Amino acid sequence: MKKLLLLMMLSLTFVAAQETKLCPCPKEIPVREMEPKELYKLITDEVDDLYILDIREPDQIGHGEIFTLNLVQITRGYLEFKVKKAIPDKNARIVIYCCTGKRGKLAAKTMQEMGYTNVYSLKGGIREWVEQGYPLDTVYGEVVLKR
């Protein structure tokens, strides 16, 4: 019985090693990040093919958003299901933001894997945007952090 178990374990190890050779892990897709300053310039220059994708949860959106006419709001959990309809042009320039930039990077990577070619994550998320003095659109109007 022990010999049979040992033989099975060795066989599985061999099969796993062969699968690794046949199906190597995909290469890591680098995620490009955009500085808040760059995004602000694109917004104020009114670039046509620019989409801002807010992937925060609904309770976070209430704190304020980066205002642009091409703002798309899809939570990270629904991104794969809804983004193709919301942004059909896979060559459009898309800047994704969340609170701190972590979910934004994950979403950017996912969109690249879906075939979107010009995707960026806002470096530091909306938190960095605010800390650098750029405006947020809120229910009270435009708000800028003063230090």
Protein backbone atom coordinates (compact mmCIF):
# COMPACT_ATOMS: atom_id res chain seq x y z
CA MET A 1 0.00 0.00 0.00
CA LYS A 2 2.83 2.39 0.88
CA LYS A 3 4.56 1.61 -2.41
CA LEU A 4 1.35 2.31 -4.34
CA LEU A 5 0.88 5.63 -2.52
CA LEU A 6 4.51 6.60 -3.18
CA LEU A 7 4.15 5.69 -6.85
CA MET A 8 0.99 7.81 -7.15
CA MET A 9 2.68 10.81 -5.52
CA LEU A 10 5.67 10.52 -7.84
CA SER A 11 3.36 10.26 -10.86
CA LEU A 12 1.46 13.40 -9.81
CA THR A 13 4.70 15.28 -9.28
CA PHE A 14 5.87 14.27 -12.77
CA VAL A 15 2.56 15.32 -14.35
CA ALA A 16 2.63 18.68 -12.56
CA ALA A 17 6.20 19.28 -13.73
CA GLN A 18 5.22 18.49 -17.32
CA GLU A 19 2.21 20.84 -17.18
CA THR A 20 4.46 23.66 -16.01
CA LYS A 21 6.69 23.14 -19.04
CA LEU A 22 3.72 22.99 -21.41
CA CYS A 23 1.75 25.86 -19.89
CA PRO A 24 4.14 28.39 -18.39
CA CYS A 25 2.71 31.18 -16.31
CA PRO A 26 1.71 34.21 -18.39
CA LYS A 27 4.05 37.18 -18.36
CA GLU A 28 3.18 39.88 -15.89
CA ILE A 29 1.36 42.75 -17.56
CA PRO A 30 2.84 46.05 -16.36
CA VAL A 31 0.29 48.56 -15.13
CA ARG A 32 0.93 52.14 -16.13
CA GLU A 33 0.25 54.81 -13.55
CA MET A 34 -0.65 58.42 -14.20
CA GLU A 35 0.25 61.24 -11.84
CA PRO A 36 -2.62 63.48 -10.68
CA LYS A 37 -0.93 66.44 -12.39
CA GLU A 38 -1.04 64.63 -15.77
CA LEU A 39 -4.70 63.72 -15.34
CA TYR A 40 -5.66 67.26 -14.36
CA LYS A 41 -4.00 68.56 -17.53
CA LEU A 42 -5.87 66.04 -19.69
CA ILE A 43 -9.17 67.03 -18.08
CA THR A 44 -8.58 70.77 -18.42
CA ASP A 45 -7.40 70.32 -22.04
CA GLU A 46 -10.72 68.51 -22.69
CA VAL A 47 -9.11 65.55 -24.44
CA ASP A 48 -11.81 63.80 -26.51
CA ASP A 49 -10.93 60.13 -26.07
CA LEU A 50 -10.46 60.33 -22.28
CA TYR A 51 -12.58 58.26 -19.91
CA ILE A 52 -12.26 58.51 -16.15
CA LEU A 53 -13.35 55.26 -14.53
CA ASP A 54 -14.30 55.45 -10.86
CA ILE A 55 -14.32 51.93 -9.40
CA ARG A 56 -15.11 52.87 -5.79
CA GLU A 57 -18.09 51.53 -3.90
CA PRO A 58 -21.29 53.65 -3.77
CA ASP A 59 -20.71 54.80 -0.18
CA GLN A 60 -17.24 56.06 -1.17
CA ILE A 61 -18.49 57.97 -4.21
CA GLY A 62 -20.54 60.19 -1.90
CA HIS A 63 -17.30 61.73 -0.59
CA GLY A 64 -16.70 63.38 -3.95
CA GLU A 65 -15.51 62.56 -7.43
CA ILE A 66 -13.18 63.84 -10.10
CA PHE A 67 -15.43 65.81 -12.40
CA THR A 68 -15.35 65.19 -16.13
CA LEU A 69 -18.03 64.70 -18.75
CA ASN A 70 -16.69 61.23 -19.54
CA LEU A 71 -16.92 59.89 -15.99
CA VAL A 72 -17.89 56.24 -15.78
CA GLN A 73 -18.74 54.66 -12.43
CA ILE A 74 -18.50 50.89 -12.15
CA THR A 75 -17.56 49.23 -8.89
CA ARG A 76 -14.55 46.91 -9.06
CA GLY A 77 -16.77 43.89 -8.48
CA TYR A 78 -18.80 44.55 -11.66
CA LEU A 79 -16.00 45.78 -13.90
CA GLU A 80 -15.68 42.69 -16.10
CA PHE A 81 -19.45 42.57 -16.62
CA LYS A 82 -20.18 46.23 -17.39
CA VAL A 83 -17.11 47.95 -18.85
CA LYS A 84 -17.51 46.69 -22.44
CA LYS A 85 -20.89 48.41 -22.71
CA ALA A 86 -19.79 51.57 -20.87
CA ILE A 87 -16.49 51.96 -22.78
CA PRO A 88 -16.74 50.06 -26.07
CA ASP A 89 -13.60 51.63 -27.62
CA LYS A 90 -10.69 49.44 -26.52
CA ASN A 91 -8.21 52.07 -27.74
CA ALA A 92 -9.67 54.96 -25.73
CA ARG A 93 -7.51 56.54 -23.05
CA ILE A 94 -8.84 55.34 -19.69
CA VAL A 95 -7.70 56.48 -16.26
CA ILE A 96 -9.01 54.37 -13.39
CA TYR A 97 -9.20 55.56 -9.82
CA CYS A 98 -10.21 54.26 -6.44
CA CYS A 99 -9.42 55.58 -2.95
CA THR A 100 -5.70 54.79 -2.69
CA GLY A 101 -4.73 53.33 -6.07
CA LYS A 102 -4.59 49.65 -5.12
CA ARG A 103 -7.90 48.57 -6.65
CA GLY A 104 -7.17 50.91 -9.54
CA LYS A 105 -4.05 48.93 -10.41
CA LEU A 106 -5.95 45.66 -10.26
CA ALA A 107 -8.70 47.06 -12.46
CA ALA A 108 -6.17 48.44 -14.97
CA LYS A 109 -4.51 45.05 -15.20
CA THR A 110 -7.87 43.35 -15.71
CA MET A 111 -8.82 45.79 -18.46
CA GLN A 112 -5.50 45.23 -20.21
CA GLU A 113 -6.16 41.50 -20.09
CA MET A 114 -9.59 42.23 -21.63
CA GLY A 115 -7.88 43.92 -24.58
CA TYR A 116 -7.97 47.60 -23.60
CA THR A 117 -4.74 49.15 -24.83
CA ASN A 118 -4.49 52.61 -23.26
CA VAL A 119 -5.28 52.09 -19.58
CA TYR A 120 -3.76 53.88 -16.59
CA SER A 121 -4.27 53.76 -12.86
CA LEU A 122 -4.32 57.11 -11.06
CA LYS A 123 -1.23 57.00 -8.86
CA GLY A 124 -2.28 57.17 -5.22
CA GLY A 125 -5.97 57.21 -6.12
CA ILE A 126 -8.35 59.99 -5.25
CA ARG A 127 -6.55 60.48 -1.93
CA GLU A 128 -3.37 61.59 -3.73
CA TRP A 129 -5.47 63.71 -6.10
CA VAL A 130 -6.92 65.61 -3.13
CA GLU A 131 -3.61 65.87 -1.27
CA GLN A 132 -2.02 67.50 -4.32
CA GLY A 133 -4.71 70.19 -4.26
CA TYR A 134 -6.91 69.15 -7.16
CA PRO A 135 -10.69 69.66 -6.95
CA LEU A 136 -13.40 67.19 -6.04
CA ASP A 137 -16.98 67.54 -7.18
CA THR A 138 -19.25 67.02 -4.15
CA VAL A 139 -22.88 67.61 -3.24
CA TYR A 140 -21.66 70.98 -1.88
CA GLY A 141 -19.99 71.96 -5.13
CA GLU A 142 -16.30 71.92 -6.01
CA VAL A 143 -14.06 71.37 -2.99
CA VAL A 144 -10.29 71.81 -2.80
CA LEU A 145 -8.17 70.77 0.19
CA LYS A 146 -6.33 73.78 1.64
CA ARG A 147 -3.28 73.31 3.83
